[in-house]
N, C-alpha and C. Protein backbone atom coordinates (compact mmCIF):
# COMPACT_ATOMS: atom_id res chain seq x y z
N MET A 1 118.26 8.34 86.26
CA MET A 1 119.26 7.47 86.84
C MET A 1 119.31 7.70 88.35
N PRO A 2 119.25 6.64 89.16
CA PRO A 2 119.26 6.81 90.62
C PRO A 2 120.64 7.26 91.11
N HIS A 3 120.65 7.91 92.27
CA HIS A 3 121.91 8.37 92.83
C HIS A 3 122.55 7.32 93.74
N TYR A 4 121.96 6.16 93.85
CA TYR A 4 122.54 5.10 94.67
C TYR A 4 123.25 4.09 93.78
N THR A 5 124.20 3.35 94.39
CA THR A 5 124.99 2.37 93.63
C THR A 5 124.79 0.94 94.10
N ARG A 6 124.25 0.77 95.29
CA ARG A 6 124.09 -0.54 95.94
C ARG A 6 125.42 -1.13 96.42
N SER A 7 126.53 -0.45 96.12
CA SER A 7 127.83 -1.01 96.50
C SER A 7 128.04 -1.00 98.02
N GLY A 8 127.30 -0.16 98.73
CA GLY A 8 127.43 -0.11 100.18
C GLY A 8 126.47 -1.02 100.91
N ASP A 9 125.71 -1.80 100.17
CA ASP A 9 124.73 -2.68 100.81
C ASP A 9 125.39 -3.75 101.68
N ASP A 10 126.68 -3.98 101.47
CA ASP A 10 127.39 -4.97 102.28
C ASP A 10 128.00 -4.35 103.54
N GLY A 11 127.73 -3.06 103.79
CA GLY A 11 128.26 -2.40 104.99
C GLY A 11 129.62 -1.78 104.79
N SER A 12 130.03 -1.61 103.54
CA SER A 12 131.32 -0.98 103.27
C SER A 12 131.10 0.29 102.44
N THR A 13 132.15 1.10 102.38
CA THR A 13 132.09 2.34 101.61
C THR A 13 133.40 2.53 100.85
N THR A 14 133.34 3.26 99.77
CA THR A 14 134.52 3.52 98.95
C THR A 14 135.25 4.76 99.46
N LEU A 15 136.56 4.68 99.53
CA LEU A 15 137.38 5.81 99.94
C LEU A 15 137.87 6.57 98.71
N TRP A 16 138.18 7.84 98.90
CA TRP A 16 138.74 8.67 97.84
C TRP A 16 140.10 8.09 97.46
N GLY A 17 140.29 7.82 96.21
CA GLY A 17 141.55 7.24 95.75
C GLY A 17 141.50 5.73 95.64
N GLY A 18 140.37 5.13 95.98
CA GLY A 18 140.20 3.69 95.82
C GLY A 18 140.23 2.93 97.12
N GLY A 19 139.73 1.73 97.05
CA GLY A 19 139.67 0.87 98.22
C GLY A 19 138.34 1.02 98.93
N ARG A 20 138.00 -0.02 99.68
CA ARG A 20 136.75 -0.02 100.44
C ARG A 20 137.07 -0.28 101.90
N ILE A 21 136.18 0.19 102.75
CA ILE A 21 136.37 0.07 104.19
C ILE A 21 135.01 -0.10 104.83
N ALA A 22 134.96 -0.77 105.98
CA ALA A 22 133.70 -0.94 106.70
C ALA A 22 133.15 0.41 107.13
N LYS A 23 131.85 0.57 107.04
CA LYS A 23 131.23 1.85 107.39
C LYS A 23 131.38 2.21 108.86
N ASP A 24 131.62 1.20 109.72
CA ASP A 24 131.80 1.51 111.14
C ASP A 24 133.27 1.66 111.53
N HIS A 25 134.16 1.70 110.55
CA HIS A 25 135.58 1.97 110.79
C HIS A 25 135.72 3.43 111.25
N PRO A 26 136.72 3.75 112.06
CA PRO A 26 136.87 5.13 112.52
C PRO A 26 136.99 6.18 111.41
N GLN A 27 137.46 5.79 110.24
CA GLN A 27 137.61 6.78 109.17
C GLN A 27 136.25 7.29 108.68
N PRO A 28 135.32 6.42 108.23
CA PRO A 28 134.01 6.95 107.85
C PRO A 28 133.22 7.49 109.04
N GLU A 29 133.48 6.99 110.24
CA GLU A 29 132.84 7.58 111.42
C GLU A 29 133.25 9.04 111.56
N ALA A 30 134.53 9.33 111.33
CA ALA A 30 135.04 10.70 111.47
C ALA A 30 134.46 11.61 110.39
N TYR A 31 134.56 11.21 109.12
CA TYR A 31 134.04 12.13 108.10
C TYR A 31 132.52 12.14 108.09
N GLY A 32 131.88 11.09 108.58
CA GLY A 32 130.42 11.11 108.74
C GLY A 32 129.98 12.08 109.81
N ALA A 33 130.76 12.17 110.90
CA ALA A 33 130.44 13.13 111.97
C ALA A 33 130.61 14.56 111.46
N ILE A 34 131.58 14.78 110.59
CA ILE A 34 131.75 16.11 109.99
C ILE A 34 130.54 16.44 109.12
N ASP A 35 130.04 15.46 108.38
CA ASP A 35 128.85 15.65 107.54
C ASP A 35 127.65 16.03 108.41
N GLU A 36 127.49 15.34 109.54
CA GLU A 36 126.39 15.68 110.46
C GLU A 36 126.54 17.11 110.98
N ALA A 37 127.76 17.50 111.30
CA ALA A 37 128.00 18.86 111.80
C ALA A 37 127.64 19.89 110.73
N SER A 38 128.01 19.62 109.50
CA SER A 38 127.68 20.54 108.42
C SER A 38 126.17 20.65 108.23
N SER A 39 125.48 19.53 108.34
CA SER A 39 124.01 19.56 108.21
C SER A 39 123.38 20.36 109.35
N ALA A 40 123.88 20.16 110.57
CA ALA A 40 123.36 20.92 111.71
C ALA A 40 123.64 22.41 111.52
N LEU A 41 124.81 22.73 111.01
CA LEU A 41 125.14 24.13 110.75
C LEU A 41 124.26 24.70 109.65
N GLY A 42 123.94 23.88 108.66
CA GLY A 42 123.01 24.31 107.62
C GLY A 42 121.65 24.67 108.18
N LEU A 43 121.20 23.91 109.17
CA LEU A 43 119.93 24.23 109.83
C LEU A 43 120.04 25.58 110.54
N GLY A 44 121.14 25.79 111.25
CA GLY A 44 121.34 27.07 111.92
C GLY A 44 121.36 28.22 110.95
N ARG A 45 122.03 28.01 109.83
CA ARG A 45 122.08 29.05 108.79
C ARG A 45 120.69 29.33 108.23
N ALA A 46 119.92 28.28 107.99
CA ALA A 46 118.58 28.45 107.43
C ALA A 46 117.64 29.16 108.40
N LEU A 47 117.82 28.93 109.69
CA LEU A 47 116.95 29.54 110.70
C LEU A 47 117.39 30.95 111.08
N SER A 48 118.62 31.31 110.74
CA SER A 48 119.13 32.63 111.12
C SER A 48 118.43 33.72 110.32
N LYS A 49 118.20 34.82 111.00
CA LYS A 49 117.61 35.99 110.36
C LYS A 49 118.68 37.04 110.03
N ASP A 50 119.95 36.72 110.37
CA ASP A 50 121.03 37.69 110.22
C ASP A 50 121.97 37.30 109.07
N SER A 51 122.25 38.23 108.18
CA SER A 51 123.08 37.93 107.01
C SER A 51 124.52 37.60 107.41
N ARG A 52 125.08 38.26 108.43
CA ARG A 52 126.46 37.97 108.84
C ARG A 52 126.55 36.55 109.39
N THR A 53 125.57 36.14 110.17
CA THR A 53 125.55 34.77 110.67
C THR A 53 125.55 33.79 109.50
N ARG A 54 124.72 34.05 108.52
CA ARG A 54 124.63 33.15 107.36
C ARG A 54 125.93 33.12 106.57
N GLU A 55 126.59 34.27 106.43
CA GLU A 55 127.87 34.33 105.70
C GLU A 55 128.93 33.48 106.39
N ILE A 56 129.06 33.64 107.69
CA ILE A 56 130.07 32.88 108.44
C ILE A 56 129.73 31.39 108.41
N ALA A 57 128.47 31.06 108.61
CA ALA A 57 128.06 29.66 108.64
C ALA A 57 128.37 28.95 107.33
N ILE A 58 128.07 29.59 106.22
CA ILE A 58 128.31 28.91 104.93
C ILE A 58 129.79 28.74 104.65
N GLU A 59 130.61 29.68 105.09
CA GLU A 59 132.06 29.52 104.90
C GLU A 59 132.59 28.36 105.74
N ILE A 60 132.08 28.22 106.97
CA ILE A 60 132.48 27.07 107.79
C ILE A 60 132.00 25.78 107.14
N GLN A 61 130.78 25.76 106.62
CA GLN A 61 130.28 24.57 105.94
C GLN A 61 131.16 24.19 104.76
N ARG A 62 131.61 25.17 104.02
CA ARG A 62 132.48 24.89 102.86
C ARG A 62 133.79 24.24 103.31
N ARG A 63 134.36 24.72 104.40
CA ARG A 63 135.59 24.11 104.90
C ARG A 63 135.30 22.71 105.45
N LEU A 64 134.16 22.52 106.12
CA LEU A 64 133.81 21.19 106.61
C LEU A 64 133.69 20.20 105.46
N TYR A 65 133.15 20.64 104.34
CA TYR A 65 133.05 19.78 103.16
C TYR A 65 134.44 19.31 102.73
N LEU A 66 135.40 20.23 102.72
CA LEU A 66 136.77 19.88 102.33
C LEU A 66 137.43 18.99 103.38
N ILE A 67 137.10 19.20 104.65
CA ILE A 67 137.63 18.32 105.70
C ILE A 67 137.09 16.91 105.52
N MET A 68 135.80 16.79 105.18
CA MET A 68 135.24 15.46 104.90
C MET A 68 136.04 14.79 103.80
N ALA A 69 136.30 15.52 102.73
CA ALA A 69 137.06 14.96 101.61
C ALA A 69 138.47 14.58 102.05
N GLU A 70 139.10 15.45 102.83
CA GLU A 70 140.45 15.17 103.32
C GLU A 70 140.48 13.87 104.13
N LEU A 71 139.48 13.68 104.98
CA LEU A 71 139.43 12.50 105.83
C LEU A 71 139.02 11.24 105.07
N ALA A 72 138.41 11.40 103.90
CA ALA A 72 137.93 10.25 103.12
C ALA A 72 138.99 9.69 102.17
N VAL A 73 140.17 10.30 102.14
CA VAL A 73 141.23 9.82 101.25
C VAL A 73 141.76 8.48 101.78
N ALA A 74 141.91 7.52 100.87
CA ALA A 74 142.41 6.20 101.24
C ALA A 74 143.83 6.31 101.81
N PRO A 75 144.13 5.50 102.84
CA PRO A 75 145.48 5.52 103.41
C PRO A 75 146.54 5.29 102.33
N GLY A 76 147.60 6.08 102.40
CA GLY A 76 148.69 5.96 101.45
C GLY A 76 148.49 6.72 100.15
N LYS A 77 147.31 7.27 99.94
CA LYS A 77 147.04 8.05 98.73
C LYS A 77 147.31 9.52 99.01
N PRO A 78 147.75 10.27 98.00
CA PRO A 78 148.00 11.69 98.23
C PRO A 78 146.69 12.46 98.43
N ILE A 79 146.73 13.40 99.34
CA ILE A 79 145.56 14.25 99.60
C ILE A 79 145.63 15.44 98.65
N PRO A 80 144.60 15.65 97.83
CA PRO A 80 144.61 16.82 96.95
C PRO A 80 144.84 18.10 97.74
N GLU A 81 145.67 18.97 97.21
CA GLU A 81 146.10 20.18 97.91
C GLU A 81 144.94 21.04 98.39
N ASP A 82 143.89 21.16 97.59
CA ASP A 82 142.78 22.05 97.98
C ASP A 82 141.91 21.45 99.09
N PHE A 83 142.12 20.18 99.44
CA PHE A 83 141.40 19.56 100.56
C PHE A 83 142.02 19.94 101.90
N VAL A 84 143.30 20.28 101.90
CA VAL A 84 144.08 20.40 103.13
C VAL A 84 143.72 21.66 103.91
N THR A 85 143.42 21.48 105.19
CA THR A 85 143.15 22.59 106.09
C THR A 85 144.48 23.26 106.44
N LEU A 86 144.50 24.58 106.34
CA LEU A 86 145.73 25.34 106.55
C LEU A 86 145.64 26.23 107.79
N VAL A 87 146.79 26.73 108.22
CA VAL A 87 146.83 27.69 109.32
C VAL A 87 145.93 28.88 109.01
N ASP A 88 145.89 29.32 107.76
CA ASP A 88 145.04 30.46 107.38
C ASP A 88 143.57 30.19 107.66
N ASP A 89 143.14 28.94 107.51
CA ASP A 89 141.75 28.60 107.79
C ASP A 89 141.44 28.76 109.28
N VAL A 90 142.37 28.35 110.12
CA VAL A 90 142.21 28.51 111.57
C VAL A 90 142.26 30.00 111.92
N ASP A 91 143.17 30.73 111.30
CA ASP A 91 143.27 32.17 111.54
C ASP A 91 141.96 32.88 111.21
N GLN A 92 141.30 32.45 110.13
CA GLN A 92 140.02 33.06 109.77
C GLN A 92 138.98 32.84 110.87
N LEU A 93 138.95 31.63 111.43
CA LEU A 93 138.03 31.38 112.54
C LEU A 93 138.32 32.29 113.72
N GLU A 94 139.59 32.46 114.03
CA GLU A 94 139.96 33.32 115.15
C GLU A 94 139.57 34.77 114.89
N ALA A 95 139.67 35.22 113.66
CA ALA A 95 139.24 36.58 113.31
C ALA A 95 137.73 36.71 113.48
N TRP A 96 136.97 35.70 113.06
CA TRP A 96 135.52 35.75 113.25
C TRP A 96 135.16 35.74 114.73
N ALA A 97 135.88 34.94 115.52
CA ALA A 97 135.61 34.91 116.96
C ALA A 97 135.82 36.29 117.57
N ALA A 98 136.92 36.95 117.21
CA ALA A 98 137.19 38.29 117.74
C ALA A 98 136.10 39.26 117.31
N GLU A 99 135.68 39.19 116.06
CA GLU A 99 134.61 40.06 115.56
C GLU A 99 133.31 39.83 116.34
N LEU A 100 132.94 38.57 116.49
CA LEU A 100 131.68 38.25 117.16
C LEU A 100 131.71 38.63 118.64
N GLU A 101 132.86 38.44 119.29
CA GLU A 101 132.96 38.78 120.70
C GLU A 101 132.93 40.29 120.92
N ARG A 102 133.36 41.06 119.92
CA ARG A 102 133.21 42.52 120.00
C ARG A 102 131.74 42.91 119.86
N LEU A 103 131.05 42.26 118.93
CA LEU A 103 129.65 42.59 118.67
C LEU A 103 128.70 42.08 119.75
N ALA A 104 129.00 40.91 120.28
CA ALA A 104 128.15 40.29 121.31
C ALA A 104 129.07 39.66 122.35
N PRO A 105 129.50 40.44 123.34
CA PRO A 105 130.43 39.90 124.34
C PRO A 105 129.90 38.61 124.96
N PRO A 106 130.78 37.60 125.10
CA PRO A 106 130.32 36.32 125.64
C PRO A 106 129.87 36.46 127.09
N PRO A 107 128.91 35.64 127.49
CA PRO A 107 128.45 35.68 128.88
C PRO A 107 129.56 35.21 129.82
N ASN A 108 129.49 35.64 131.06
CA ASN A 108 130.51 35.24 132.03
C ASN A 108 130.05 34.06 132.87
N GLU A 109 129.04 33.34 132.39
CA GLU A 109 128.56 32.14 133.07
C GLU A 109 128.02 31.18 132.01
N PHE A 110 127.76 29.96 132.43
CA PHE A 110 127.21 28.98 131.49
C PHE A 110 125.81 29.39 131.08
N VAL A 111 125.49 29.11 129.81
CA VAL A 111 124.16 29.41 129.29
C VAL A 111 123.55 28.14 128.71
N LEU A 112 122.23 28.16 128.60
CA LEU A 112 121.50 27.04 128.02
C LEU A 112 121.15 27.36 126.58
N PRO A 113 121.27 26.39 125.69
CA PRO A 113 120.85 26.61 124.31
C PRO A 113 119.34 26.85 124.24
N GLY A 114 118.93 27.61 123.23
CA GLY A 114 117.50 27.75 122.99
C GLY A 114 116.95 29.14 123.12
N GLY A 115 117.79 30.16 123.11
CA GLY A 115 117.29 31.52 123.21
C GLY A 115 116.45 31.93 122.02
N SER A 116 116.79 31.40 120.86
CA SER A 116 116.02 31.65 119.63
C SER A 116 116.17 30.41 118.76
N PRO A 117 115.31 30.23 117.76
CA PRO A 117 115.47 29.06 116.89
C PRO A 117 116.85 29.00 116.23
N GLY A 118 117.33 30.13 115.72
CA GLY A 118 118.63 30.15 115.07
C GLY A 118 119.77 29.83 116.03
N SER A 119 119.75 30.44 117.21
CA SER A 119 120.83 30.18 118.17
C SER A 119 120.79 28.74 118.67
N ALA A 120 119.60 28.18 118.84
CA ALA A 120 119.49 26.79 119.28
C ALA A 120 120.12 25.86 118.24
N ALA A 121 119.84 26.12 116.97
CA ALA A 121 120.41 25.29 115.90
C ALA A 121 121.92 25.47 115.82
N LEU A 122 122.41 26.68 116.04
CA LEU A 122 123.86 26.91 116.03
C LEU A 122 124.53 26.21 117.20
N ASP A 123 123.87 26.20 118.37
CA ASP A 123 124.42 25.45 119.50
C ASP A 123 124.43 23.95 119.22
N LEU A 124 123.40 23.45 118.55
CA LEU A 124 123.39 22.04 118.15
C LEU A 124 124.56 21.76 117.20
N ALA A 125 124.79 22.65 116.26
CA ALA A 125 125.92 22.49 115.34
C ALA A 125 127.24 22.51 116.11
N ARG A 126 127.34 23.39 117.10
CA ARG A 126 128.57 23.48 117.92
C ARG A 126 128.85 22.15 118.61
N THR A 127 127.83 21.56 119.22
CA THR A 127 128.06 20.30 119.94
C THR A 127 128.32 19.16 118.96
N THR A 128 127.74 19.23 117.78
CA THR A 128 127.98 18.21 116.77
C THR A 128 129.42 18.31 116.26
N ILE A 129 129.92 19.52 116.10
CA ILE A 129 131.32 19.69 115.69
C ILE A 129 132.25 19.19 116.78
N ARG A 130 131.90 19.40 118.03
CA ARG A 130 132.74 18.91 119.13
C ARG A 130 132.82 17.38 119.09
N ARG A 131 131.69 16.73 118.81
CA ARG A 131 131.71 15.27 118.69
C ARG A 131 132.55 14.86 117.48
N ALA A 132 132.40 15.56 116.37
CA ALA A 132 133.20 15.26 115.18
C ALA A 132 134.69 15.39 115.49
N GLU A 133 135.05 16.41 116.24
CA GLU A 133 136.45 16.59 116.63
C GLU A 133 136.93 15.37 117.41
N ARG A 134 136.11 14.87 118.33
CA ARG A 134 136.50 13.67 119.09
C ARG A 134 136.69 12.47 118.16
N GLU A 135 135.82 12.34 117.16
CA GLU A 135 135.95 11.23 116.20
C GLU A 135 137.24 11.35 115.40
N VAL A 136 137.61 12.56 115.02
CA VAL A 136 138.85 12.77 114.27
C VAL A 136 140.06 12.44 115.15
N VAL A 137 140.01 12.84 116.41
CA VAL A 137 141.10 12.51 117.34
C VAL A 137 141.17 10.99 117.53
N ARG A 138 140.02 10.34 117.61
CA ARG A 138 140.00 8.88 117.74
C ARG A 138 140.61 8.24 116.49
N LEU A 139 140.29 8.76 115.32
CA LEU A 139 140.88 8.26 114.07
C LEU A 139 142.40 8.37 114.12
N ARG A 140 142.89 9.51 114.57
CA ARG A 140 144.34 9.69 114.70
C ARG A 140 144.92 8.68 115.69
N GLY A 141 144.19 8.42 116.77
CA GLY A 141 144.63 7.44 117.76
C GLY A 141 144.72 6.02 117.21
N HIS A 142 143.98 5.75 116.15
CA HIS A 142 144.05 4.44 115.48
C HIS A 142 145.16 4.39 114.43
N GLY A 143 146.03 5.40 114.43
CA GLY A 143 147.18 5.40 113.54
C GLY A 143 146.95 6.03 112.18
N HIS A 144 145.78 6.59 111.95
CA HIS A 144 145.52 7.25 110.67
C HIS A 144 146.14 8.64 110.71
N PRO A 145 146.92 9.01 109.70
CA PRO A 145 147.50 10.36 109.72
C PRO A 145 146.41 11.42 109.58
N VAL A 146 146.42 12.36 110.50
CA VAL A 146 145.44 13.46 110.49
C VAL A 146 146.21 14.77 110.57
N ASN A 147 145.88 15.66 109.69
CA ASN A 147 146.45 17.00 109.66
C ASN A 147 146.12 17.71 110.99
N GLU A 148 147.15 18.18 111.68
CA GLU A 148 146.93 18.87 112.96
C GLU A 148 146.08 20.12 112.80
N GLU A 149 146.19 20.79 111.66
CA GLU A 149 145.37 21.99 111.44
C GLU A 149 143.89 21.64 111.33
N THR A 150 143.59 20.43 110.88
CA THR A 150 142.19 19.98 110.84
C THR A 150 141.63 19.90 112.25
N ILE A 151 142.38 19.33 113.16
CA ILE A 151 141.92 19.23 114.55
C ILE A 151 141.80 20.63 115.16
N ARG A 152 142.78 21.48 114.91
CA ARG A 152 142.70 22.86 115.41
C ARG A 152 141.48 23.57 114.83
N TYR A 153 141.21 23.35 113.54
CA TYR A 153 140.06 23.99 112.90
C TYR A 153 138.76 23.57 113.59
N LEU A 154 138.60 22.28 113.81
CA LEU A 154 137.37 21.80 114.44
C LEU A 154 137.23 22.35 115.86
N ASN A 155 138.34 22.38 116.59
CA ASN A 155 138.31 22.93 117.95
C ASN A 155 137.88 24.39 117.92
N ARG A 156 138.48 25.16 117.03
CA ARG A 156 138.16 26.58 116.94
C ARG A 156 136.76 26.81 116.40
N ALA A 157 136.31 25.96 115.47
CA ALA A 157 134.97 26.12 114.90
C ALA A 157 133.89 26.00 115.97
N SER A 158 134.08 25.09 116.93
CA SER A 158 133.07 24.97 117.99
C SER A 158 133.02 26.25 118.83
N SER A 159 134.16 26.87 119.05
CA SER A 159 134.18 28.14 119.79
C SER A 159 133.49 29.25 119.00
N VAL A 160 133.76 29.31 117.70
CA VAL A 160 133.13 30.32 116.86
C VAL A 160 131.61 30.12 116.85
N LEU A 161 131.17 28.88 116.80
CA LEU A 161 129.72 28.64 116.79
C LEU A 161 129.07 29.02 118.12
N PHE A 162 129.79 28.89 119.22
CA PHE A 162 129.27 29.39 120.50
C PHE A 162 129.07 30.90 120.39
N ASP A 163 130.10 31.59 119.91
CA ASP A 163 130.00 33.04 119.75
C ASP A 163 128.90 33.42 118.75
N LEU A 164 128.79 32.67 117.69
CA LEU A 164 127.79 32.95 116.66
C LEU A 164 126.38 32.76 117.22
N ALA A 165 126.20 31.75 118.06
CA ALA A 165 124.88 31.54 118.69
C ALA A 165 124.52 32.70 119.61
N ARG A 166 125.51 33.21 120.37
CA ARG A 166 125.23 34.36 121.25
C ARG A 166 124.93 35.60 120.40
N TYR A 167 125.67 35.79 119.31
CA TYR A 167 125.41 36.91 118.40
C TYR A 167 124.02 36.78 117.80
N GLU A 168 123.64 35.58 117.41
CA GLU A 168 122.32 35.34 116.84
C GLU A 168 121.22 35.69 117.85
N GLU A 169 121.44 35.34 119.12
CA GLU A 169 120.46 35.73 120.15
C GLU A 169 120.36 37.24 120.25
N GLN A 170 121.52 37.90 120.23
CA GLN A 170 121.51 39.36 120.30
C GLN A 170 120.74 39.95 119.12
N GLN A 171 120.97 39.43 117.93
CA GLN A 171 120.28 39.94 116.75
C GLN A 171 118.79 39.65 116.79
N ALA A 172 118.41 38.58 117.49
CA ALA A 172 116.99 38.24 117.64
C ALA A 172 116.34 39.03 118.78
N GLY A 173 117.15 39.79 119.52
CA GLY A 173 116.61 40.59 120.61
C GLY A 173 116.29 39.81 121.87
N VAL A 174 116.99 38.68 122.06
CA VAL A 174 116.77 37.88 123.27
C VAL A 174 118.08 37.75 124.03
N ASP A 175 117.97 37.58 125.33
CA ASP A 175 119.15 37.37 126.17
C ASP A 175 119.48 35.88 126.21
N ALA A 176 120.77 35.59 126.40
CA ALA A 176 121.18 34.21 126.62
C ALA A 176 120.52 33.71 127.90
N ILE A 177 120.14 32.46 127.91
CA ILE A 177 119.48 31.88 129.09
C ILE A 177 120.57 31.34 130.02
N ARG A 178 120.65 31.92 131.21
CA ARG A 178 121.65 31.47 132.18
C ARG A 178 121.32 30.05 132.63
N SER A 179 122.35 29.30 132.94
CA SER A 179 122.14 27.90 133.33
C SER A 179 121.47 27.78 134.69
N ARG A 180 121.64 28.79 135.55
CA ARG A 180 120.99 28.75 136.87
C ARG A 180 120.25 30.06 137.11
N PRO A 181 118.95 29.98 137.31
CA PRO A 181 118.22 31.21 137.63
C PRO A 181 118.67 31.74 138.99
N THR A 182 118.65 33.06 139.13
CA THR A 182 119.09 33.66 140.39
C THR A 182 117.94 34.27 141.17
N THR A 183 116.85 34.57 140.50
CA THR A 183 115.70 35.16 141.19
C THR A 183 114.42 34.54 140.63
N PRO A 184 113.31 34.64 141.36
CA PRO A 184 112.05 34.13 140.83
C PRO A 184 111.67 34.78 139.49
N SER A 185 112.01 36.06 139.30
CA SER A 185 111.68 36.70 138.03
C SER A 185 112.50 36.12 136.88
N ASP A 186 113.74 35.67 137.18
CA ASP A 186 114.55 35.01 136.16
C ASP A 186 113.87 33.72 135.69
N VAL A 187 113.32 32.98 136.64
CA VAL A 187 112.62 31.74 136.30
C VAL A 187 111.42 32.04 135.42
N ALA A 188 110.65 33.05 135.78
CA ALA A 188 109.45 33.41 135.01
C ALA A 188 109.80 33.88 133.61
N ALA A 189 110.92 34.59 133.47
CA ALA A 189 111.31 35.13 132.17
C ALA A 189 111.79 34.03 131.22
N GLN A 190 112.23 32.93 131.76
CA GLN A 190 112.78 31.87 130.92
C GLN A 190 111.72 30.86 130.61
C-alpha cells in the first residue's frame, strides 16, 4: 500500500483535528520549517562522532516533532497535552547550553560554519531553526494562537545548536574558524 493519498494534489493539506488548508498558508509553512530543521539536525547527528552531541540532538529532534504536531492542530481544536511545549523543555535547553559552554567555551568573535562535517551540519540546523522560529512568529502575527514556550524553545534551540557545533569542533580536534583572519598564517590554516 502506498504512503501517499493524493489528497494534497490540489495544493491543500489536512490539519490535525480535521479541516484542510492551502499548503502555502502560514500554518503549514511554520510546521514545514520545523520539519526542515529536524531533518537538518538529523544530518548533524548522523555526521557527529560524539555520543553526547547525538544524545542532545535526538532529544531536540523529538521535541521538534511535537512542535510540528502542536502547530498542525486545526484552529479551534484542542491541542493534545503531550504536544505542548513547556517551561521545563526550555529549561532543559538552558541546562544543555550551560553544560556545553563549560565543555567548549564559546568564541569571543564571530565564526564561520564548516570546521568539521558534523559542526557544519549543526550550524545548518541552527540557521534552519532560526528560520522556523521566524515562520512561527509570522504565524502568530496572522492571528494563529501560538504557545509562547514554543517560540522560546525555538529561540533557545538555535543557541544550543551554536554551542553544540562548537563542542563538536572541539571533539573533532579542530578550532572554530574566525570570520576574519588576523595574520597570513591564519589564512593559510583555514
